[in-house]
Amino acid sequence: MLGPLHRHIRNLVLRLFGPEALRLVLLHDEQRSARDELSSRLDRPDVELDERRNAAERKTVDFFDLVIDEMKKPNPIMNENIALDLLFLLLFASHETTSMGLTAILKFLTDNPKALQELTEEHEKIMERRVESDSDITWEEYKSMKFTSHVCAIYRIVIANIAPVVFRQSNQDVHIKGYTIPEGSKIMISPSAAHLNSKVYDEPLAFNPWRWKDTPEPVGGSKDFLAFGGGLRLCVGAEFAKLQMAMFLHCLVTNYRWKALSKGTMMLYPRLRFPDGFHIQLHKKT
């Protein structure tokens, strides 16, 4: 069951990252953000809580603002310590997963020219169908990025298990396969155990985005797909993470080429990391 605090926080997040916000606001915001960030890195080789609380009213609203508004209510559901923990957790989780995921995807594409070519062709065809090639992406164009979704899925599901464990607590005795998990037990779930199961995913360690060409990608909350958790506490930012990666890849492959400046060795211990980093050099396409 969802506790009142979790349900309240989830609703706060959905106000900014729900389906309507993704379609009407974040799609274009993320495209512009990716475009500006890539442009700023062209040809290169290689707390505030009290201040915001007392600041004048702002025209734009972010999650920080929503938390502050909650704390100003007569009977707030969270105190300052909970708010600070929440902000740190959400900022860390959203930045760590997306940034590491994009690094992994760049590494995979660098090592697999065939996948990079098909990804580039998908996005170039989208631009060719436009009346104005430099117009913003539409929601229909985003939903048509099938191979892009496969590329992101191969990272999320099979190879780059950024969140090594998921924690839950049983609210009643659970009987499963001859074992009893007592009420109140802390349960640790390993997504890697599902994602690297060769009985489910053929050659799970292989970068093969074509594995979903004729079969649907796994959906959120299934026993074989735990990249965003599962059950009632499925990650509320899952769709935003997918959109963010797709917008970055669209701006990247349609405007730039790159070369690797380092090997980019990957490790899974206990989560995905690049001990020596993965450095690239961007060049504008002519």
C-alpha atoms as a PDB file:
ATOM      1  CA  MET A   1       0.000   0.000   0.000  1.00  0.00           C
ATOM      2  CA  LEU A   2       1.040   3.577  -0.560  1.00  0.00           C
ATOM      3  CA  GLY A   3       1.640   5.533   2.634  1.00  0.00           C
ATOM      4  CA  PRO A   4       0.235   9.081   2.846  1.00  0.00           C
ATOM      5  CA  LEU A   5       3.695  10.690   2.611  1.00  0.00           C
ATOM      6  CA  HIS A   6       4.696   8.643  -0.421  1.00  0.00           C
ATOM      7  CA  ARG A   7       1.342   9.300  -2.118  1.00  0.00           C
ATOM      8  CA  HIS A   8       1.660  13.024  -1.438  1.00  0.00           C
ATOM      9  CA  ILE A   9       5.222  13.211  -2.783  1.00  0.00           C
ATOM     10  CA  ARG A  10       4.267  11.176  -5.841  1.00  0.00           C
ATOM     11  CA  ASN A  11       1.478  13.631  -6.640  1.00  0.00           C
ATOM     12  CA  LEU A  12       3.906  16.542  -6.272  1.00  0.00           C
ATOM     13  CA  VAL A  13       6.287  14.956  -8.769  1.00  0.00           C
ATOM     14  CA  LEU A  14       3.481  14.162 -11.211  1.00  0.00           C
ATOM     15  CA  ARG A  15       2.505  17.840 -11.284  1.00  0.00           C
ATOM     16  CA  LEU A  16       5.838  18.504 -13.012  1.00  0.00           C
ATOM     17  CA  PHE A  17       6.573  15.217 -14.776  1.00  0.00           C
ATOM     18  CA  GLY A  18       3.169  13.720 -15.529  1.00  0.00           C
ATOM     19  CA  PRO A  19       1.919  12.814 -19.037  1.00  0.00           C
ATOM     20  CA  GLU A  20       0.554  16.291 -19.850  1.00  0.00           C
ATOM     21  CA  ALA A  21       3.738  18.019 -18.688  1.00  0.00           C
ATOM     22  CA  LEU A  22       5.841  15.646 -20.789  1.00  0.00           C
ATOM     23  CA  ARG A  23       3.813  16.300 -23.929  1.00  0.00           C
ATOM     24  CA  LEU A  24       3.199  20.040 -23.595  1.00  0.00           C
ATOM     25  CA  VAL A  25       6.273  21.365 -21.774  1.00  0.00           C
ATOM     26  CA  LEU A  26       9.142  18.975 -21.146  1.00  0.00           C
ATOM     27  CA  LEU A  27       9.423  17.632 -24.691  1.00  0.00           C
ATOM     28  CA  HIS A  28      10.533  21.031 -25.999  1.00  0.00           C
ATOM     29  CA  ASP A  29      12.377  22.024 -22.827  1.00  0.00           C
ATOM     30  CA  GLU A  30      14.557  18.919 -22.970  1.00  0.00           C
ATOM     31  CA  GLN A  31      15.235  19.378 -26.681  1.00  0.00           C
ATOM     32  CA  ARG A  32      16.429  22.937 -26.112  1.00  0.00           C
ATOM     33  CA  SER A  33      18.436  21.923 -23.054  1.00  0.00           C
ATOM     34  CA  ALA A  34      20.213  19.137 -24.948  1.00  0.00           C
ATOM     35  CA  ARG A  35      20.839  21.416 -27.928  1.00  0.00           C
ATOM     36  CA  ASP A  36      22.342  24.160 -25.753  1.00  0.00           C
ATOM     37  CA  GLU A  37      24.475  21.780 -23.690  1.00  0.00           C
ATOM     38  CA  LEU A  38      25.910  20.047 -26.752  1.00  0.00           C
ATOM     39  CA  SER A  39      26.615  23.383 -28.423  1.00  0.00           C
ATOM     40  CA  SER A  40      28.464  24.634 -25.330  1.00  0.00           C
ATOM     41  CA  ARG A  41      30.799  21.641 -25.478  1.00  0.00           C
ATOM     42  CA  LEU A  42      31.565  21.869 -29.175  1.00  0.00           C
ATOM     43  CA  ASP A  43      35.207  21.117 -30.110  1.00  0.00           C
ATOM     44  CA  ARG A  44      36.275  20.811 -26.492  1.00  0.00           C
ATOM     45  CA  PRO A  45      38.743  17.979 -25.844  1.00  0.00           C
ATOM     46  CA  ASP A  46      37.936  16.962 -23.073  1.00  0.00           C
ATOM     47  CA  VAL A  47      22.011  24.961   1.204  1.00  0.00           C
ATOM     48  CA  GLU A  48      19.696  27.012  -0.677  1.00  0.00           C
ATOM     49  CA  LEU A  49      16.516  26.020   1.194  1.00  0.00           C
ATOM     50  CA  ASP A  50      16.252  29.133   3.380  1.00  0.00           C
ATOM     51  CA  GLU A  51      17.098  31.464   0.489  1.00  0.00           C
ATOM     52  CA  ARG A  52      14.389  30.016  -1.738  1.00  0.00           C
ATOM     53  CA  ARG A  53      11.850  30.000   1.079  1.00  0.00           C
ATOM     54  CA  ASN A  54      12.323  33.739   1.650  1.00  0.00           C
ATOM     55  CA  ALA A  55      12.742  34.702  -2.004  1.00  0.00           C
ATOM     56  CA  ALA A  56      10.224  36.753  -3.963  1.00  0.00           C
ATOM     57  CA  GLU A  57       7.643  34.927  -6.050  1.00  0.00           C
ATOM     58  CA  ARG A  58       9.121  33.373  -9.195  1.00  0.00           C
ATOM     59  CA  LYS A  59       7.489  33.070 -12.605  1.00  0.00           C
ATOM     60  CA  THR A  60       8.584  29.468 -13.141  1.00  0.00           C
ATOM     61  CA  VAL A  61       7.892  26.579 -10.783  1.00  0.00           C
ATOM     62  CA  ASP A  62      10.172  23.646 -10.043  1.00  0.00           C
ATOM     63  CA  PHE A  63      10.031  20.794  -7.553  1.00  0.00           C
ATOM     64  CA  PHE A  64      11.881  22.881  -4.979  1.00  0.00           C
ATOM     65  CA  ASP A  65       9.077  25.460  -5.137  1.00  0.00           C
ATOM     66  CA  LEU A  66       6.430  22.794  -4.592  1.00  0.00           C
ATOM     67  CA  VAL A  67       8.245  21.487  -1.519  1.00  0.00           C
ATOM     68  CA  ILE A  68       8.578  25.016  -0.104  1.00  0.00           C
ATOM     69  CA  ASP A  69       4.856  25.632  -0.694  1.00  0.00           C
ATOM     70  CA  GLU A  70       4.072  22.447   1.219  1.00  0.00           C
ATOM     71  CA  MET A  71       6.231  23.531   4.150  1.00  0.00           C
ATOM     72  CA  LYS A  72       4.431  26.893   4.333  1.00  0.00           C
ATOM     73  CA  LYS A  73       1.020  25.251   4.853  1.00  0.00           C
ATOM     74  CA  PRO A  74      -0.549  25.340   8.359  1.00  0.00           C
ATOM     75  CA  ASN A  75      -0.149  21.580   8.857  1.00  0.00           C
ATOM     76  CA  PRO A  76       2.658  20.519   6.491  1.00  0.00           C
ATOM     77  CA  ILE A  77       3.049  16.825   5.766  1.00  0.00           C
ATOM     78  CA  MET A  78       6.844  17.153   5.843  1.00  0.00           C
ATOM     79  CA  ASN A  79       9.342  19.008   8.000  1.00  0.00           C
ATOM     80  CA  GLU A  80      12.612  20.631   6.938  1.00  0.00           C
ATOM     81  CA  ASN A  81      14.703  17.495   7.501  1.00  0.00           C
ATOM     82  CA  ILE A  82      12.384  15.383   5.358  1.00  0.00           C
ATOM     83  CA  ALA A  83      12.363  18.081   2.665  1.00  0.00           C
ATOM     84  CA  LEU A  84      16.158  18.252   2.510  1.00  0.00           C
ATOM     85  CA  ASP A  85      16.470  14.451   2.396  1.00  0.00           C
ATOM     86  CA  LEU A  86      13.839  14.294  -0.324  1.00  0.00           C
ATOM     87  CA  LEU A  87      15.479  16.967  -2.467  1.00  0.00           C
ATOM     88  CA  PHE A  88      18.894  15.349  -2.174  1.00  0.00           C
ATOM     89  CA  LEU A  89      17.516  11.909  -2.985  1.00  0.00           C
ATOM     90  CA  LEU A  90      15.512  13.029  -6.021  1.00  0.00           C
ATOM     91  CA  LEU A  91      18.302  15.194  -7.422  1.00  0.00           C
ATOM     92  CA  PHE A  92      20.843  12.411  -6.971  1.00  0.00           C
ATOM     93  CA  ALA A  93      18.570   9.731  -8.413  1.00  0.00           C
ATOM     94  CA  SER A  94      17.529  11.752 -11.472  1.00  0.00           C
ATOM     95  CA  HIS A  95      21.026  13.016 -12.282  1.00  0.00           C
ATOM     96  CA  GLU A  96      22.949   9.820 -11.564  1.00  0.00           C
ATOM     97  CA  THR A  97      20.708   7.530 -13.601  1.00  0.00           C
ATOM     98  CA  THR A  98      20.296   9.750 -16.664  1.00  0.00           C
ATOM     99  CA  SER A  99      23.868  11.030 -16.897  1.00  0.00           C
ATOM    100  CA  MET A 100      25.369   7.575 -16.389  1.00  0.00           C
ATOM    101  CA  GLY A 101      22.847   6.105 -18.802  1.00  0.00           C
ATOM    102  CA  LEU A 102      23.741   8.546 -21.570  1.00  0.00           C
ATOM    103  CA  THR A 103      27.442   7.905 -20.986  1.00  0.00           C
ATOM    104  CA  ALA A 104      26.831   4.175 -21.362  1.00  0.00           C
ATOM    105  CA  ILE A 105      24.783   4.689 -24.531  1.00  0.00           C
ATOM    106  CA  LEU A 106      27.525   6.856 -26.067  1.00  0.00           C
ATOM    107  CA  LYS A 107      30.033   4.120 -25.270  1.00  0.00           C
ATOM    108  CA  PHE A 108      27.816   1.442 -26.835  1.00  0.00           C
ATOM    109  CA  LEU A 109      27.189   3.517 -29.976  1.00  0.00           C
ATOM    110  CA  THR A 110      30.879   4.376 -30.342  1.00  0.00           C
ATOM    111  CA  ASP A 111      31.708   0.671 -30.308  1.00  0.00           C
ATOM    112  CA  ASN A 112      28.822  -0.276 -32.618  1.00  0.00           C
ATOM    113  CA  PRO A 113      28.806   1.787 -35.858  1.00  0.00           C
ATOM    114  CA  LYS A 114      25.877  -0.222 -37.255  1.00  0.00           C
ATOM    115  CA  ALA A 115      23.626   0.798 -34.371  1.00  0.00           C
ATOM    116  CA  LEU A 116      24.813   4.403 -34.609  1.00  0.00           C
ATOM    117  CA  GLN A 117      24.033   4.466 -38.333  1.00  0.00           C
ATOM    118  CA  GLU A 118      20.499   3.128 -37.855  1.00  0.00           C
ATOM    119  CA  LEU A 119      19.879   5.542 -34.993  1.00  0.00           C
ATOM    120  CA  THR A 120      21.118   8.472 -37.090  1.00  0.00           C
ATOM    121  CA  GLU A 121      18.967   7.459 -40.058  1.00  0.00           C
ATOM    122  CA  GLU A 122      15.860   7.294 -37.863  1.00  0.00           C
ATOM    123  CA  HIS A 123      16.354  10.873 -36.698  1.00  0.00           C
ATOM    124  CA  GLU A 124      17.384  12.216 -40.093  1.00  0.00           C
ATOM    125  CA  LYS A 125      14.189  10.788 -41.609  1.00  0.00           C
ATOM    126  CA  ILE A 126      12.171  12.618 -38.963  1.00  0.00           C
ATOM    127  CA  MET A 127      13.809  15.885 -39.985  1.00  0.00           C
ATOM    128  CA  GLU A 128      13.362  15.173 -43.710  1.00  0.00           C
ATOM    129  CA  ARG A 129       9.594  14.829 -43.248  1.00  0.00           C
ATOM    130  CA  ARG A 130       9.297  18.277 -41.688  1.00  0.00           C
ATOM    131  CA  VAL A 131       8.269  21.383 -43.563  1.00  0.00           C
ATOM    132  CA  GLU A 132      10.881  23.295 -41.544  1.00  0.00           C
ATOM    133  CA  SER A 133      13.868  21.129 -40.630  1.00  0.00           C
ATOM    134  CA  ASP A 134      14.852  23.235 -37.603  1.00  0.00           C
ATOM    135  CA  SER A 135      11.404  23.216 -35.964  1.00  0.00           C
ATOM    136  CA  ASP A 136      10.912  21.694 -32.525  1.00  0.00           C
ATOM    137  CA  ILE A 137      10.113  18.024 -32.121  1.00  0.00           C
ATOM    138  CA  THR A 138       6.433  17.138 -31.988  1.00  0.00           C
ATOM    139  CA  TRP A 139       4.934  14.545 -29.668  1.00  0.00           C
ATOM    140  CA  GLU A 140       4.136  12.336 -32.649  1.00  0.00           C
ATOM    141  CA  GLU A 141       7.767  12.465 -33.789  1.00  0.00           C
ATOM    142  CA  TYR A 142       8.964  11.517 -30.331  1.00  0.00           C
ATOM    143  CA  LYS A 143       6.620   8.530 -30.166  1.00  0.00           C
ATOM    144  CA  SER A 144       7.852   7.376 -33.598  1.00  0.00           C
ATOM    145  CA  MET A 145      11.460   6.942 -32.366  1.00  0.00           C
ATOM    146  CA  LYS A 146      11.266   3.148 -32.170  1.00  0.00           C
ATOM    147  CA  PHE A 147      14.945   2.307 -32.622  1.00  0.00           C
ATOM    148  CA  THR A 148      15.873   5.079 -30.196  1.00  0.00           C
ATOM    149  CA  SER A 149      13.621   3.434 -27.635  1.00  0.00           C
ATOM    150  CA  HIS A 150      15.318   0.082 -28.299  1.00  0.00           C
ATOM    151  CA  VAL A 151      18.763   1.646 -27.800  1.00  0.00           C
ATOM    152  CA  CYS A 152      17.696   3.179 -24.490  1.00  0.00           C
ATOM    153  CA  ALA A 153      15.981  -0.042 -23.418  1.00  0.00           C
ATOM    154  CA  ILE A 154      19.075  -2.158 -23.991  1.00  0.00           C
ATOM    155  CA  TYR A 155      20.907   0.119 -21.592  1.00  0.00           C
ATOM    156  CA  ARG A 156      18.114   0.317 -19.039  1.00  0.00           C
ATOM    157  CA  ILE A 157      17.196  -3.322 -18.920  1.00  0.00           C
ATOM    158  CA  VAL A 158      19.967  -5.628 -19.981  1.00  0.00           C
ATOM    159  CA  ILE A 159      23.366  -4.068 -19.423  1.00  0.00           C
ATOM    160  CA  ALA A 160      23.579  -0.939 -17.322  1.00  0.00           C
ATOM    161  CA  ASN A 161      21.854  -1.747 -14.036  1.00  0.00           C
ATOM    162  CA  ILE A 162      22.543   1.583 -12.352  1.00  0.00           C
ATOM    163  CA  ALA A 163      20.349   0.871  -9.318  1.00  0.00           C
ATOM    164  CA  PRO A 164      21.834  -2.403  -8.006  1.00  0.00           C
ATOM    165  CA  VAL A 165      19.126  -3.082  -5.418  1.00  0.00           C
ATOM    166  CA  VAL A 166      15.532  -2.167  -4.586  1.00  0.00           C
ATOM    167  CA  PHE A 167      14.318  -2.298  -0.986  1.00  0.00           C
ATOM    168  CA  ARG A 168      10.860  -3.254   0.223  1.00  0.00           C
ATOM    169  CA  GLN A 169       9.234  -4.249   3.525  1.00  0.00           C
ATOM    170  CA  SER A 170       6.601  -6.962   3.854  1.00  0.00           C
ATOM    171  CA  ASN A 171       3.372  -5.777   5.501  1.00  0.00           C
ATOM    172  CA  GLN A 172       2.199  -9.346   6.145  1.00  0.00           C
ATOM    173  CA  ASP A 173       3.582 -12.881   6.178  1.00  0.00           C
ATOM    174  CA  VAL A 174       4.430 -13.961   2.637  1.00  0.00           C
ATOM    175  CA  HIS A 175       4.585 -17.652   1.677  1.00  0.00           C
ATOM    176  CA  ILE A 176       6.538 -18.434  -1.480  1.00  0.00           C
ATOM    177  CA  LYS A 177       8.042 -21.702  -2.739  1.00  0.00           C
ATOM    178  CA  GLY A 178       8.093 -23.313   0.686  1.00  0.00           C
ATOM    179  CA  TYR A 179       9.556 -20.281   2.447  1.00  0.00           C
ATOM    180  CA  THR A 180       7.874 -17.805   4.762  1.00  0.00           C
ATOM    181  CA  ILE A 181       8.890 -14.144   4.795  1.00  0.00           C
ATOM    182  CA  PRO A 182       7.677 -12.785   8.156  1.00  0.00           C
ATOM    183  CA  GLU A 183       5.713  -9.570   8.397  1.00  0.00           C
ATOM    184  CA  GLY A 184       8.004  -6.556   8.791  1.00  0.00           C
ATOM    185  CA  SER A 185      10.959  -8.201   7.038  1.00  0.00           C
ATOM    186  CA  LYS A 186      13.270  -6.006   4.978  1.00  0.00           C
ATOM    187  CA  ILE A 187      13.496  -7.390   1.442  1.00  0.00           C
ATOM    188  CA  MET A 188      16.294  -6.611  -0.999  1.00  0.00           C
ATOM    189  CA  ILE A 189      15.493  -7.154  -4.682  1.00  0.00           C
ATOM    190  CA  SER A 190      18.259  -7.361  -7.297  1.00  0.00           C
ATOM    191  CA  PRO A 191      17.210  -6.074 -10.757  1.00  0.00           C
ATOM    192  CA  SER A 192      20.371  -7.614 -12.225  1.00  0.00           C
ATOM    193  CA  ALA A 193      19.121 -11.083 -11.326  1.00  0.00           C
ATOM    194  CA  ALA A 194      16.223 -10.515 -13.735  1.00  0.00           C
ATOM    195  CA  HIS A 195      17.986  -8.405 -16.352  1.00  0.00           C
ATOM    196  CA  LEU A 196      20.950 -10.753 -16.781  1.00  0.00           C
ATOM    197  CA  ASN A 197      18.851 -13.927 -16.826  1.00  0.00           C
ATOM    198  CA  SER A 198      19.784 -15.742 -20.048  1.00  0.00           C
ATOM    199  CA  LYS A 199      16.472 -17.642 -19.921  1.00  0.00           C
ATOM    200  CA  VAL A 200      14.684 -14.331 -20.435  1.00  0.00           C
ATOM    201  CA  TYR A 201      17.180 -12.301 -22.476  1.00  0.00           C
ATOM    202  CA  ASP A 202      19.274 -14.043 -25.115  1.00  0.00           C
ATOM    203  CA  GLU A 203      22.916 -13.006 -24.653  1.00  0.00           C
ATOM    204  CA  PRO A 204      22.039 -10.452 -21.960  1.00  0.00           C
ATOM    205  CA  LEU A 205      25.492  -8.840 -21.951  1.00  0.00           C
ATOM    206  CA  ALA A 206      25.414  -8.134 -25.696  1.00  0.00           C
ATOM    207  CA  PHE A 207      24.533  -4.671 -27.005  1.00  0.00           C
ATOM    208  CA  ASN A 208      21.728  -5.740 -29.308  1.00  0.00           C
ATOM    209  CA  PRO A 209      18.964  -3.136 -29.654  1.00  0.00           C
ATOM    210  CA  TRP A 210      17.470  -5.217 -32.489  1.00  0.00           C
ATOM    211  CA  ARG A 211      16.302  -7.850 -29.985  1.00  0.00           C
ATOM    212  CA  TRP A 212      12.985  -5.962 -29.781  1.00  0.00           C
ATOM    213  CA  LYS A 213      12.548  -5.461 -33.514  1.00  0.00           C
ATOM    214  CA  ASP A 214       9.776  -8.058 -33.756  1.00  0.00           C
ATOM    215  CA  THR A 215       8.820  -8.321 -30.085  1.00  0.00           C
ATOM    216  CA  PRO A 216       7.554  -5.649 -27.695  1.00  0.00           C
ATOM    217  CA  GLU A 217       9.891  -4.100 -25.171  1.00  0.00           C
ATOM    218  CA  PRO A 218       9.299  -5.186 -21.560  1.00  0.00           C
ATOM    219  CA  VAL A 219       6.808  -3.006 -19.748  1.00  0.00           C
ATOM    220  CA  GLY A 220       7.189  -1.341 -16.365  1.00  0.00           C
ATOM    221  CA  GLY A 221       6.353  -3.400 -13.327  1.00  0.00           C
ATOM    222  CA  SER A 222       6.801  -6.874 -14.858  1.00  0.00           C
ATOM    223  CA  LYS A 223       8.963  -9.485 -13.117  1.00  0.00           C
ATOM    224  CA  ASP A 224      11.486  -9.313 -15.977  1.00  0.00           C
ATOM    225  CA  PHE A 225      11.704  -5.512 -16.055  1.00  0.00           C
ATOM    226  CA  LEU A 226      12.853  -3.780 -12.894  1.00  0.00           C
ATOM    227  CA  ALA A 227      14.841  -0.854 -14.266  1.00  0.00           C
ATOM    228  CA  PHE A 228      12.303   1.533 -12.721  1.00  0.00           C
ATOM    229  CA  GLY A 229      11.276  -0.607  -9.776  1.00  0.00           C
ATOM    230  CA  GLY A 230       7.825  -2.120  -9.712  1.00  0.00           C
ATOM    231  CA  GLY A 231       4.443  -2.331  -8.064  1.00  0.00           C
ATOM    232  CA  LEU A 232       2.713   0.703  -6.586  1.00  0.00           C
ATOM    233  CA  ARG A 233       6.073   2.418  -6.082  1.00  0.00           C
ATOM    234  CA  LEU A 234       7.148   2.273  -9.722  1.00  0.00           C
ATOM    235  CA  CYS A 235       9.493   5.196 -10.455  1.00  0.00           C
ATOM    236  CA  VAL A 236       7.357   8.267 -11.114  1.00  0.00           C
ATOM    237  CA  GLY A 237      10.068   9.766 -13.355  1.00  0.00           C
ATOM    238  CA  ALA A 238      10.403   6.774 -15.688  1.00  0.00           C
ATOM    239  CA  GLU A 239       8.744   8.394 -18.703  1.00  0.00           C
ATOM    240  CA  PHE A 240      10.647  11.641 -18.149  1.00  0.00           C
ATOM    241  CA  ALA A 241      13.963   9.745 -18.140  1.00  0.00           C
ATOM    242  CA  LYS A 242      13.070   8.091 -21.456  1.00  0.00           C
ATOM    243  CA  LEU A 243      12.113  11.425 -22.999  1.00  0.00           C
ATOM    244  CA  GLN A 244      15.263  13.132 -21.722  1.00  0.00           C
ATOM    245  CA  MET A 245      17.521  10.493 -23.280  1.00  0.00           C
ATOM    246  CA  ALA A 246      15.647  10.547 -26.583  1.00  0.00           C
ATOM    247  CA  MET A 247      15.916  14.340 -26.879  1.00  0.00           C
ATOM    248  CA  PHE A 248      19.638  14.243 -26.159  1.00  0.00           C
ATOM    249  CA  LEU A 249      20.227  11.537 -28.773  1.00  0.00           C
ATOM    250  CA  HIS A 250      18.130  13.399 -31.348  1.00  0.00           C
ATOM    251  CA  CYS A 251      20.161  16.598 -30.962  1.00  0.00           C
ATOM    252  CA  LEU A 252      23.415  14.644 -30.880  1.00  0.00           C
ATOM    253  CA  VAL A 253      23.137  12.436 -33.962  1.00  0.00           C
ATOM    254  CA  THR A 254      21.486  15.071 -36.183  1.00  0.00           C
ATOM    255  CA  ASN A 255      24.011  17.812 -35.473  1.00  0.00           C
ATOM    256  CA  TYR A 256      27.274  16.253 -34.343  1.00  0.00           C
ATOM    257  CA  ARG A 257      29.812  13.528 -34.847  1.00  0.00           C
ATOM    258  CA  TRP A 258      32.295  12.510 -32.200  1.00  0.00           C
ATOM    259  CA  LYS A 259      35.395  10.500 -31.542  1.00  0.00           C
ATOM    260  CA  ALA A 260      36.453   8.733 -28.377  1.00  0.00           C
ATOM    261  CA  LEU A 261      39.491  10.115 -26.574  1.00  0.00           C
ATOM    262  CA  SER A 262      39.659   7.311 -24.025  1.00  0.00           C
ATOM    263  CA  LYS A 263      38.815   3.625 -23.897  1.00  0.00           C
ATOM    264  CA  GLY A 264      35.960   4.062 -21.452  1.00  0.00           C
ATOM    265  CA  THR A 265      36.237   0.847 -19.459  1.00  0.00           C
ATOM    266  CA  MET A 266      32.917  -0.071 -17.835  1.00  0.00           C
ATOM    267  CA  MET A 267      32.450  -1.838 -14.506  1.00  0.00           C
ATOM    268  CA  LEU A 268      29.417  -3.175 -12.661  1.00  0.00           C
ATOM    269  CA  TYR A 269      30.505  -3.167  -9.010  1.00  0.00           C
ATOM    270  CA  PRO A 270      27.965  -2.908  -7.532  1.00  0.00           C
ATOM    271  CA  ARG A 271      26.533  -0.410 -10.003  1.00  0.00           C
ATOM    272  CA  LEU A 272      27.624   0.803 -13.416  1.00  0.00           C
ATOM    273  CA  ARG A 273      30.624   3.121 -13.430  1.00  0.00           C
ATOM    274  CA  PHE A 274      33.523   4.245 -15.597  1.00  0.00           C
ATOM    275  CA  PRO A 275      36.629   4.168 -13.333  1.00  0.00           C
ATOM    276  CA  ASP A 276      38.665   6.298 -15.752  1.00  0.00           C
ATOM    277  CA  GLY A 277      35.747   8.159 -17.335  1.00  0.00           C
ATOM    278  CA  PHE A 278      34.743   8.126 -20.993  1.00  0.00           C
ATOM    279  CA  HIS A 279      35.946  11.201 -22.856  1.00  0.00           C
ATOM    280  CA  ILE A 280      34.810  12.233 -26.328  1.00  0.00           C
ATOM    281  CA  GLN A 281      35.387  15.179 -28.641  1.00  0.00           C
ATOM    282  CA  LEU A 282      32.398  16.700 -30.441  1.00  0.00           C
ATOM    283  CA  HIS A 283      32.505  18.158 -33.953  1.00  0.00           C
ATOM    284  CA  LYS A 284      29.695  19.977 -35.726  1.00  0.00           C
ATOM    285  CA  LYS A 285      28.391  18.191 -38.815  1.00  0.00           C
ATOM    286  CA  THR A 286      28.834  20.105 -42.067  1.00  0.00           C
END
